[in-house]
Amino acid sequence: GRRRLTTLLAIAAVLFGLDLLTKCLAVALIDPGESVPIIG
């Protein structure tokens, strides 16, 4: 049970950090209304 809880929290922490990082980059690098193509 402790191992599963550790796994749960580790996955949550990684995804939370990735979400926070990408949001900060989006706010800093993309202007409102701007569209940056990735695949057309």
PDB file of all heavy atoms in Angstrom:
ATOM      1  N   GLY A   1       0.811  -1.208   0.000  1.00  0.00           N
ATOM      2  CA  GLY A   1       0.000   0.000   0.000  1.00  0.00           C
ATOM      3  C   GLY A   1       0.844   1.257   0.000  1.00  0.00           C
ATOM      4  O   GLY A   1       0.531   2.230  -0.695  1.00  0.00           O
ATOM      5  N   ARG A   2       1.947   1.246   0.746  1.00  0.00           N
ATOM      6  CA  ARG A   2       2.832   2.406   0.759  1.00  0.00           C
ATOM      7  C   ARG A   2       3.499   2.616  -0.590  1.00  0.00           C
ATOM      8  O   ARG A   2       3.667   3.751  -1.043  1.00  0.00           O
ATOM      9  CB  ARG A   2       3.888   2.243   1.859  1.00  0.00           C
ATOM     10  CG  ARG A   2       3.359   2.447   3.278  1.00  0.00           C
ATOM     11  CD  ARG A   2       4.492   2.699   4.238  1.00  0.00           C
ATOM     12  NE  ARG A   2       5.376   1.547   4.352  1.00  0.00           N
ATOM     13  CZ  ARG A   2       5.260   0.596   5.262  1.00  0.00           C
ATOM     14  NH1 ARG A   2       4.271   0.646   6.131  1.00  0.00           N
ATOM     15  NH2 ARG A   2       6.116  -0.400   5.309  1.00  0.00           N
ATOM     16  N   ARG A   3       3.881   1.509  -1.235  1.00  0.00           N
ATOM     17  CA  ARG A   3       4.498   1.634  -2.562  1.00  0.00           C
ATOM     18  C   ARG A   3       3.522   2.208  -3.575  1.00  0.00           C
ATOM     19  O   ARG A   3       3.889   3.031  -4.416  1.00  0.00           O
ATOM     20  CB  ARG A   3       5.000   0.271  -3.036  1.00  0.00           C
ATOM     21  CG  ARG A   3       6.228  -0.240  -2.303  1.00  0.00           C
ATOM     22  CD  ARG A   3       6.872  -1.383  -3.073  1.00  0.00           C
ATOM     23  NE  ARG A   3       5.976  -2.504  -3.239  1.00  0.00           N
ATOM     24  CZ  ARG A   3       5.873  -3.524  -2.400  1.00  0.00           C
ATOM     25  NH1 ARG A   3       6.611  -3.538  -1.299  1.00  0.00           N
ATOM     26  NH2 ARG A   3       5.052  -4.525  -2.644  1.00  0.00           N
ATOM     27  N   ARG A   4       2.267   1.769  -3.512  1.00  0.00           N
ATOM     28  CA  ARG A   4       1.274   2.275  -4.468  1.00  0.00           C
ATOM     29  C   ARG A   4       1.003   3.760  -4.237  1.00  0.00           C
ATOM     30  O   ARG A   4       0.848   4.530  -5.184  1.00  0.00           O
ATOM     31  CB  ARG A   4      -0.019   1.467  -4.344  1.00  0.00           C
ATOM     32  CG  ARG A   4       0.135  -0.006  -4.670  1.00  0.00           C
ATOM     33  CD  ARG A   4       0.614  -0.237  -6.085  1.00  0.00           C
ATOM     34  NE  ARG A   4       0.808  -1.637  -6.386  1.00  0.00           N
ATOM     35  CZ  ARG A   4       1.981  -2.193  -6.622  1.00  0.00           C
ATOM     36  NH1 ARG A   4       3.091  -1.456  -6.599  1.00  0.00           N
ATOM     37  NH2 ARG A   4       2.084  -3.486  -6.893  1.00  0.00           N
ATOM     38  N   LEU A   5       0.930   4.162  -2.971  1.00  0.00           N
ATOM     39  CA  LEU A   5       0.712   5.577  -2.674  1.00  0.00           C
ATOM     40  C   LEU A   5       1.894   6.410  -3.147  1.00  0.00           C
ATOM     41  O   LEU A   5       1.722   7.503  -3.695  1.00  0.00           O
ATOM     42  CB  LEU A   5       0.494   5.778  -1.172  1.00  0.00           C
ATOM     43  CG  LEU A   5       0.259   7.225  -0.712  1.00  0.00           C
ATOM     44  CD1 LEU A   5      -0.959   7.821  -1.397  1.00  0.00           C
ATOM     45  CD2 LEU A   5       0.118   7.293   0.800  1.00  0.00           C
ATOM     46  N   THR A   6       3.109   5.884  -2.974  1.00  0.00           N
ATOM     47  CA  THR A   6       4.299   6.586  -3.452  1.00  0.00           C
ATOM     48  C   THR A   6       4.260   6.732  -4.973  1.00  0.00           C
ATOM     49  O   THR A   6       4.584   7.793  -5.520  1.00  0.00           O
ATOM     50  CB  THR A   6       5.570   5.825  -3.037  1.00  0.00           C
ATOM     51  OG1 THR A   6       5.617   5.727  -1.614  1.00  0.00           O
ATOM     52  CG2 THR A   6       6.819   6.545  -3.533  1.00  0.00           C
ATOM     53  N   THR A   7       3.863   5.664  -5.670  1.00  0.00           N
ATOM     54  CA  THR A   7       3.735   5.726  -7.125  1.00  0.00           C
ATOM     55  C   THR A   7       2.713   6.769  -7.536  1.00  0.00           C
ATOM     56  O   THR A   7       2.946   7.572  -8.457  1.00  0.00           O
ATOM     57  CB  THR A   7       3.315   4.355  -7.678  1.00  0.00           C
ATOM     58  OG1 THR A   7       4.299   3.375  -7.325  1.00  0.00           O
ATOM     59  CG2 THR A   7       3.171   4.391  -9.189  1.00  0.00           C
ATOM     60  N   LEU A   8       1.559   6.769  -6.881  1.00  0.00           N
ATOM     61  CA  LEU A   8       0.493   7.731  -7.181  1.00  0.00           C
ATOM     62  C   LEU A   8       1.000   9.163  -7.031  1.00  0.00           C
ATOM     63  O   LEU A   8       0.822   9.998  -7.925  1.00  0.00           O
ATOM     64  CB  LEU A   8      -0.696   7.470  -6.254  1.00  0.00           C
ATOM     65  CG  LEU A   8      -1.995   8.253  -6.477  1.00  0.00           C
ATOM     66  CD1 LEU A   8      -3.165   7.480  -5.861  1.00  0.00           C
ATOM     67  CD2 LEU A   8      -1.947   9.641  -5.859  1.00  0.00           C
ATOM     68  N   LEU A   9       1.653   9.442  -5.898  1.00  0.00           N
ATOM     69  CA  LEU A   9       2.115  10.803  -5.620  1.00  0.00           C
ATOM     70  C   LEU A   9       3.240  11.220  -6.572  1.00  0.00           C
ATOM     71  O   LEU A   9       3.319  12.379  -6.969  1.00  0.00           O
ATOM     72  CB  LEU A   9       2.575  10.907  -4.165  1.00  0.00           C
ATOM     73  CG  LEU A   9       1.479  10.721  -3.108  1.00  0.00           C
ATOM     74  CD1 LEU A   9       2.073  10.767  -1.713  1.00  0.00           C
ATOM     75  CD2 LEU A   9       0.389  11.778  -3.259  1.00  0.00           C
ATOM     76  N   ALA A  10       4.104  10.262  -6.937  1.00  0.00           N
ATOM     77  CA  ALA A  10       5.199  10.578  -7.865  1.00  0.00           C
ATOM     78  C   ALA A  10       4.657  10.954  -9.241  1.00  0.00           C
ATOM     79  O   ALA A  10       5.106  11.932  -9.853  1.00  0.00           O
ATOM     80  CB  ALA A  10       6.153   9.388  -7.966  1.00  0.00           C
ATOM     81  N   ILE A  11       3.692  10.179  -9.728  1.00  0.00           N
ATOM     82  CA  ILE A  11       3.083  10.483 -11.033  1.00  0.00           C
ATOM     83  C   ILE A  11       2.380  11.834 -10.985  1.00  0.00           C
ATOM     84  O   ILE A  11       2.498  12.650 -11.909  1.00  0.00           O
ATOM     85  CB  ILE A  11       2.107   9.369 -11.430  1.00  0.00           C
ATOM     86  CG1 ILE A  11       2.875   8.084 -11.743  1.00  0.00           C
ATOM     87  CG2 ILE A  11       1.258   9.781 -12.641  1.00  0.00           C
ATOM     88  CD1 ILE A  11       1.990   6.891 -11.965  1.00  0.00           C
ATOM     89  N   ALA A  12       1.653  12.075  -9.903  1.00  0.00           N
ATOM     90  CA  ALA A  12       0.950  13.354  -9.752  1.00  0.00           C
ATOM     91  C   ALA A  12       1.938  14.518  -9.725  1.00  0.00           C
ATOM     92  O   ALA A  12       1.702  15.560 -10.361  1.00  0.00           O
ATOM     93  CB  ALA A  12       0.105  13.341  -8.477  1.00  0.00           C
ATOM     94  N   ALA A  13       3.053  14.351  -9.024  1.00  0.00           N
ATOM     95  CA  ALA A  13       4.042  15.425  -8.921  1.00  0.00           C
ATOM     96  C   ALA A  13       4.676  15.726 -10.275  1.00  0.00           C
ATOM     97  O   ALA A  13       4.867  16.896 -10.639  1.00  0.00           O
ATOM     98  CB  ALA A  13       5.114  15.044  -7.900  1.00  0.00           C
ATOM     99  N   VAL A  14       5.000  14.685 -11.043  1.00  0.00           N
ATOM    100  CA  VAL A  14       5.605  14.877 -12.360  1.00  0.00           C
ATOM    101  C   VAL A  14       4.642  15.613 -13.298  1.00  0.00           C
ATOM    102  O   VAL A  14       5.028  16.578 -13.984  1.00  0.00           O
ATOM    103  CB  VAL A  14       6.033  13.530 -12.967  1.00  0.00           C
ATOM    104  CG1 VAL A  14       6.418  13.694 -14.432  1.00  0.00           C
ATOM    105  CG2 VAL A  14       7.191  12.930 -12.175  1.00  0.00           C
ATOM    106  N   LEU A  15       3.400  15.165 -13.326  1.00  0.00           N
ATOM    107  CA  LEU A  15       2.415  15.792 -14.211  1.00  0.00           C
ATOM    108  C   LEU A  15       2.096  17.218 -13.772  1.00  0.00           C
ATOM    109  O   LEU A  15       1.929  18.112 -14.608  1.00  0.00           O
ATOM    110  CB  LEU A  15       1.145  14.952 -14.251  1.00  0.00           C
ATOM    111  CG  LEU A  15       1.275  13.613 -14.983  1.00  0.00           C
ATOM    112  CD1 LEU A  15       0.015  12.772 -14.803  1.00  0.00           C
ATOM    113  CD2 LEU A  15       1.544  13.842 -16.462  1.00  0.00           C
ATOM    114  N   PHE A  16       2.023  17.444 -12.476  1.00  0.00           N
ATOM    115  CA  PHE A  16       1.778  18.794 -11.964  1.00  0.00           C
ATOM    116  C   PHE A  16       2.917  19.731 -12.360  1.00  0.00           C
ATOM    117  O   PHE A  16       2.690  20.857 -12.815  1.00  0.00           O
ATOM    118  CB  PHE A  16       1.617  18.767 -10.452  1.00  0.00           C
ATOM    119  CG  PHE A  16       1.564  20.124  -9.819  1.00  0.00           C
ATOM    120  CD1 PHE A  16       0.461  20.944  -9.997  1.00  0.00           C
ATOM    121  CD2 PHE A  16       2.626  20.603  -9.054  1.00  0.00           C
ATOM    122  CE1 PHE A  16       0.401  22.210  -9.426  1.00  0.00           C
ATOM    123  CE2 PHE A  16       2.583  21.858  -8.480  1.00  0.00           C
ATOM    124  CZ  PHE A  16       1.469  22.666  -8.663  1.00  0.00           C
ATOM    125  N   GLY A  17       4.163  19.249 -12.184  1.00  0.00           N
ATOM    126  CA  GLY A  17       5.309  20.076 -12.562  1.00  0.00           C
ATOM    127  C   GLY A  17       5.351  20.355 -14.052  1.00  0.00           C
ATOM    128  O   GLY A  17       5.642  21.482 -14.481  1.00  0.00           O
ATOM    129  N   LEU A  18       5.041  19.345 -14.867  1.00  0.00           N
ATOM    130  CA  LEU A  18       5.035  19.531 -16.323  1.00  0.00           C
ATOM    131  C   LEU A  18       3.942  20.501 -16.740  1.00  0.00           C
ATOM    132  O   LEU A  18       4.158  21.358 -17.618  1.00  0.00           O
ATOM    133  CB  LEU A  18       4.818  18.173 -16.993  1.00  0.00           C
ATOM    134  CG  LEU A  18       4.816  18.158 -18.523  1.00  0.00           C
ATOM    135  CD1 LEU A  18       6.151  18.637 -19.063  1.00  0.00           C
ATOM    136  CD2 LEU A  18       4.501  16.763 -19.045  1.00  0.00           C
ATOM    137  N   ASP A  19       2.770  20.398 -16.110  1.00  0.00           N
ATOM    138  CA  ASP A  19       1.664  21.310 -16.431  1.00  0.00           C
ATOM    139  C   ASP A  19       2.029  22.746 -16.069  1.00  0.00           C
ATOM    140  O   ASP A  19       1.810  23.667 -16.857  1.00  0.00           O
ATOM    141  CB  ASP A  19       0.411  20.865 -15.677  1.00  0.00           C
ATOM    142  CG  ASP A  19      -0.773  21.782 -15.924  1.00  0.00           C
ATOM    143  OD1 ASP A  19      -1.290  21.788 -17.069  1.00  0.00           O
ATOM    144  OD2 ASP A  19      -1.186  22.489 -14.989  1.00  0.00           O
ATOM    145  N   LEU A  20       2.610  22.919 -14.875  1.00  0.00           N
ATOM    146  CA  LEU A  20       2.975  24.265 -14.434  1.00  0.00           C
ATOM    147  C   LEU A  20       4.043  24.869 -15.337  1.00  0.00           C
ATOM    148  O   LEU A  20       3.963  26.044 -15.715  1.00  0.00           O
ATOM    149  CB  LEU A  20       3.472  24.199 -12.980  1.00  0.00           C
ATOM    150  CG  LEU A  20       3.825  25.527 -12.311  1.00  0.00           C
ATOM    151  CD1 LEU A  20       2.599  26.431 -12.241  1.00  0.00           C
ATOM    152  CD2 LEU A  20       4.391  25.285 -10.922  1.00  0.00           C
ATOM    153  N   LEU A  21       5.039  24.054 -15.705  1.00  0.00           N
ATOM    154  CA  LEU A  21       6.115  24.552 -16.569  1.00  0.00           C
ATOM    155  C   LEU A  21       5.588  24.963 -17.940  1.00  0.00           C
ATOM    156  O   LEU A  21       5.919  26.047 -18.448  1.00  0.00           O
ATOM    157  CB  LEU A  21       7.181  23.469 -16.723  1.00  0.00           C
ATOM    158  CG  LEU A  21       8.323  23.776 -17.700  1.00  0.00           C
ATOM    159  CD1 LEU A  21       9.116  24.986 -17.229  1.00  0.00           C
ATOM    160  CD2 LEU A  21       9.234  22.563 -17.856  1.00  0.00           C
ATOM    161  N   THR A  22       4.773  24.127 -18.543  1.00  0.00           N
ATOM    162  CA  THR A  22       4.266  24.440 -19.891  1.00  0.00           C
ATOM    163  C   THR A  22       3.339  25.655 -19.877  1.00  0.00           C
ATOM    164  O   THR A  22       3.337  26.445 -20.823  1.00  0.00           O
ATOM    165  CB  THR A  22       3.535  23.227 -20.484  1.00  0.00           C
ATOM    166  OG1 THR A  22       2.526  22.767 -19.558  1.00  0.00           O
ATOM    167  CG2 THR A  22       4.508  22.086 -20.748  1.00  0.00           C
ATOM    168  N   LYS A  23       2.571  25.814 -18.812  1.00  0.00           N
ATOM    169  CA  LYS A  23       1.706  26.994 -18.717  1.00  0.00           C
ATOM    170  C   LYS A  23       2.530  28.269 -18.586  1.00  0.00           C
ATOM    171  O   LYS A  23       2.210  29.297 -19.216  1.00  0.00           O
ATOM    172  CB  LYS A  23       0.752  26.856 -17.532  1.00  0.00           C
ATOM    173  CG  LYS A  23      -0.383  25.875 -17.763  1.00  0.00           C
ATOM    174  CD  LYS A  23      -1.215  25.698 -16.513  1.00  0.00           C
ATOM    175  CE  LYS A  23      -2.383  24.752 -16.751  1.00  0.00           C
ATOM    176  NZ  LYS A  23      -3.147  24.474 -15.503  1.00  0.00           N
ATOM    177  N   CYS A  24       3.575  28.224 -17.781  1.00  0.00           N
ATOM    178  CA  CYS A  24       4.439  29.401 -17.632  1.00  0.00           C
ATOM    179  C   CYS A  24       5.104  29.762 -18.959  1.00  0.00           C
ATOM    180  O   CYS A  24       5.203  30.939 -19.326  1.00  0.00           O
ATOM    181  CB  CYS A  24       5.499  29.134 -16.564  1.00  0.00           C
ATOM    182  SG  CYS A  24       4.857  29.057 -14.879  1.00  0.00           S
ATOM    183  N   LEU A  25       5.552  28.740 -19.697  1.00  0.00           N
ATOM    184  CA  LEU A  25       6.166  28.990 -21.004  1.00  0.00           C
ATOM    185  C   LEU A  25       5.146  29.551 -21.987  1.00  0.00           C
ATOM    186  O   LEU A  25       5.466  30.462 -22.778  1.00  0.00           O
ATOM    187  CB  LEU A  25       6.768  27.695 -21.550  1.00  0.00           C
ATOM    188  CG  LEU A  25       8.005  27.166 -20.822  1.00  0.00           C
ATOM    189  CD1 LEU A  25       8.404  25.807 -21.382  1.00  0.00           C
ATOM    190  CD2 LEU A  25       9.164  28.157 -20.935  1.00  0.00           C
ATOM    191  N   ALA A  26       3.925  29.032 -21.943  1.00  0.00           N
ATOM    192  CA  ALA A  26       2.894  29.513 -22.855  1.00  0.00           C
ATOM    193  C   ALA A  26       2.572  30.977 -22.592  1.00  0.00           C
ATOM    194  O   ALA A  26       2.458  31.784 -23.534  1.00  0.00           O
ATOM    195  CB  ALA A  26       1.633  28.658 -22.716  1.00  0.00           C
ATOM    196  N   VAL A  27       2.439  31.336 -21.324  1.00  0.00           N
ATOM    197  CA  VAL A  27       2.123  32.725 -20.972  1.00  0.00           C
ATOM    198  C   VAL A  27       3.274  33.651 -21.368  1.00  0.00           C
ATOM    199  O   VAL A  27       3.050  34.780 -21.825  1.00  0.00           O
ATOM    200  CB  VAL A  27       1.831  32.831 -19.460  1.00  0.00           C
ATOM    201  CG1 VAL A  27       1.720  34.287 -19.030  1.00  0.00           C
ATOM    202  CG2 VAL A  27       0.541  32.082 -19.115  1.00  0.00           C
ATOM    203  N   ALA A  28       4.510  33.171 -21.208  1.00  0.00           N
ATOM    204  CA  ALA A  28       5.672  34.014 -21.482  1.00  0.00           C
ATOM    205  C   ALA A  28       5.965  34.154 -22.982  1.00  0.00           C
ATOM    206  O   ALA A  28       6.449  35.203 -23.422  1.00  0.00           O
ATOM    207  CB  ALA A  28       6.897  33.446 -20.769  1.00  0.00           C
ATOM    208  N   LEU A  29       5.655  33.131 -23.766  1.00  0.00           N
ATOM    209  CA  LEU A  29       6.102  33.109 -25.157  1.00  0.00           C
ATOM    210  C   LEU A  29       4.996  33.324 -26.188  1.00  0.00           C
ATOM    211  O   LEU A  29       5.292  33.631 -27.346  1.00  0.00           O
ATOM    212  CB  LEU A  29       6.803  31.775 -25.447  1.00  0.00           C
ATOM    213  CG  LEU A  29       8.031  31.470 -24.580  1.00  0.00           C
ATOM    214  CD1 LEU A  29       8.578  30.081 -24.910  1.00  0.00           C
ATOM    215  CD2 LEU A  29       9.111  32.535 -24.762  1.00  0.00           C
ATOM    216  N   ILE A  30       3.739  33.139 -25.788  1.00  0.00           N
ATOM    217  CA  ILE A  30       2.644  33.251 -26.759  1.00  0.00           C
ATOM    218  C   ILE A  30       1.776  34.453 -26.413  1.00  0.00           C
ATOM    219  O   ILE A  30       1.301  34.580 -25.269  1.00  0.00           O
ATOM    220  CB  ILE A  30       1.780  31.973 -26.765  1.00  0.00           C
ATOM    221  CG1 ILE A  30       2.650  30.740 -27.035  1.00  0.00           C
ATOM    222  CG2 ILE A  30       0.682  32.077 -27.811  1.00  0.00           C
ATOM    223  CD1 ILE A  30       1.893  29.438 -26.921  1.00  0.00           C
ATOM    224  N   ASP A  31       1.558  35.309 -27.373  1.00  0.00           N
ATOM    225  CA  ASP A  31       0.681  36.463 -27.162  1.00  0.00           C
ATOM    226  C   ASP A  31      -0.780  36.038 -27.298  1.00  0.00           C
ATOM    227  O   ASP A  31      -1.098  35.126 -28.079  1.00  0.00           O
ATOM    228  CB  ASP A  31       0.983  37.546 -28.189  1.00  0.00           C
ATOM    229  CG  ASP A  31       2.375  38.127 -28.012  1.00  0.00           C
ATOM    230  OD1 ASP A  31       2.841  38.191 -26.854  1.00  0.00           O
ATOM    231  OD2 ASP A  31       3.003  38.496 -29.036  1.00  0.00           O
ATOM    232  N   PRO A  32      -1.680  36.678 -26.541  1.00  0.00           N
ATOM    233  CA  PRO A  32      -3.112  36.355 -26.673  1.00  0.00           C
ATOM    234  C   PRO A  32      -3.597  36.546 -28.102  1.00  0.00           C
ATOM    235  O   PRO A  32      -3.304  37.559 -28.748  1.00  0.00           O
ATOM    236  CB  PRO A  32      -3.779  37.357 -25.718  1.00  0.00           C
ATOM    237  CG  PRO A  32      -2.722  37.691 -24.718  1.00  0.00           C
ATOM    238  CD  PRO A  32      -1.424  37.661 -25.480  1.00  0.00           C
ATOM    239  N   GLY A  33      -4.296  35.539 -28.616  1.00  0.00           N
ATOM    240  CA  GLY A  33      -4.792  35.598 -29.973  1.00  0.00           C
ATOM    241  C   GLY A  33      -3.800  35.113 -31.015  1.00  0.00           C
ATOM    242  O   GLY A  33      -4.167  34.927 -32.186  1.00  0.00           O
ATOM    243  N   GLU A  34      -2.543  34.911 -30.623  1.00  0.00           N
ATOM    244  CA  GLU A  34      -1.535  34.425 -31.564  1.00  0.00           C
ATOM    245  C   GLU A  34      -1.684  32.921 -31.768  1.00  0.00           C
ATOM    246  O   GLU A  34      -2.012  32.183 -30.834  1.00  0.00           O
ATOM    247  CB  GLU A  34      -0.135  34.739 -31.036  1.00  0.00           C
ATOM    248  CG  GLU A  34       0.991  34.274 -31.946  1.00  0.00           C
ATOM    249  CD  GLU A  34       2.361  34.502 -31.328  1.00  0.00           C
ATOM    250  OE1 GLU A  34       2.410  34.974 -30.170  1.00  0.00           O
ATOM    251  OE2 GLU A  34       3.366  34.202 -32.003  1.00  0.00           O
ATOM    252  N   SER A  35      -1.424  32.457 -32.965  1.00  0.00           N
ATOM    253  CA  SER A  35      -1.477  31.033 -33.286  1.00  0.00           C
ATOM    254  C   SER A  35      -0.122  30.591 -33.825  1.00  0.00           C
ATOM    255  O   SER A  35       0.360  31.139 -34.816  1.00  0.00           O
ATOM    256  CB  SER A  35      -2.579  30.750 -34.322  1.00  0.00           C
ATOM    257  OG  SER A  35      -2.656  29.372 -34.598  1.00  0.00           O
ATOM    258  N   VAL A  36       0.482  29.607 -33.128  1.00  0.00           N
ATOM    259  CA  VAL A  36       1.800  29.110 -33.523  1.00  0.00           C
ATOM    260  C   VAL A  36       1.629  27.711 -34.114  1.00  0.00           C
ATOM    261  O   VAL A  36       1.339  26.757 -33.385  1.00  0.00           O
ATOM    262  CB  VAL A  36       2.753  29.058 -32.317  1.00  0.00           C
ATOM    263  CG1 VAL A  36       4.130  28.555 -32.743  1.00  0.00           C
ATOM    264  CG2 VAL A  36       2.855  30.423 -31.645  1.00  0.00           C
ATOM    265  N   PRO A  37       1.795  27.533 -35.425  1.00  0.00           N
ATOM    266  CA  PRO A  37       1.557  26.228 -36.042  1.00  0.00           C
ATOM    267  C   PRO A  37       2.579  25.184 -35.578  1.00  0.00           C
ATOM    268  O   PRO A  37       3.761  25.480 -35.410  1.00  0.00           O
ATOM    269  CB  PRO A  37       1.717  26.508 -37.546  1.00  0.00           C
ATOM    270  CG  PRO A  37       1.601  27.995 -37.686  1.00  0.00           C
ATOM    271  CD  PRO A  37       2.130  28.568 -36.413  1.00  0.00           C
ATOM    272  N   ILE A  38       2.085  23.956 -35.361  1.00  0.00           N
ATOM    273  CA  ILE A  38       2.950  22.816 -35.058  1.00  0.00           C
ATOM    274  C   ILE A  38       2.929  21.847 -36.230  1.00  0.00           C
ATOM    275  O   ILE A  38       3.963  21.469 -36.765  1.00  0.00           O
ATOM    276  CB  ILE A  38       2.484  22.091 -33.777  1.00  0.00           C
ATOM    277  CG1 ILE A  38       2.392  23.078 -32.612  1.00  0.00           C
ATOM    278  CG2 ILE A  38       3.438  20.959 -33.429  1.00  0.00           C
ATOM    279  CD1 ILE A  38       1.768  22.477 -31.371  1.00  0.00           C
ATOM    280  N   ILE A  39       1.715  21.433 -36.618  1.00  0.00           N
ATOM    281  CA  ILE A  39       1.522  20.596 -37.806  1.00  0.00           C
ATOM    282  C   ILE A  39       0.493  21.313 -38.680  1.00  0.00           C
ATOM    283  O   ILE A  39      -0.706  21.018 -38.639  1.00  0.00           O
ATOM    284  CB  ILE A  39       1.039  19.189 -37.437  1.00  0.00           C
ATOM    285  CG1 ILE A  39       1.984  18.538 -36.432  1.00  0.00           C
ATOM    286  CG2 ILE A  39       0.931  18.312 -38.687  1.00  0.00           C
ATOM    287  CD1 ILE A  39       1.517  17.190 -35.942  1.00  0.00           C
ATOM    288  N   GLY A  40       0.952  22.291 -39.418  1.00  0.00           N
ATOM    289  CA  GLY A  40       0.051  23.077 -40.251  1.00  0.00           C
ATOM    290  C   GLY A  40      -1.022  23.747 -39.405  1.00  0.00           C
ATOM    291  O   GLY A  40      -0.746  24.291 -38.336  1.00  0.00           O
TER     292      GLY A  40
END
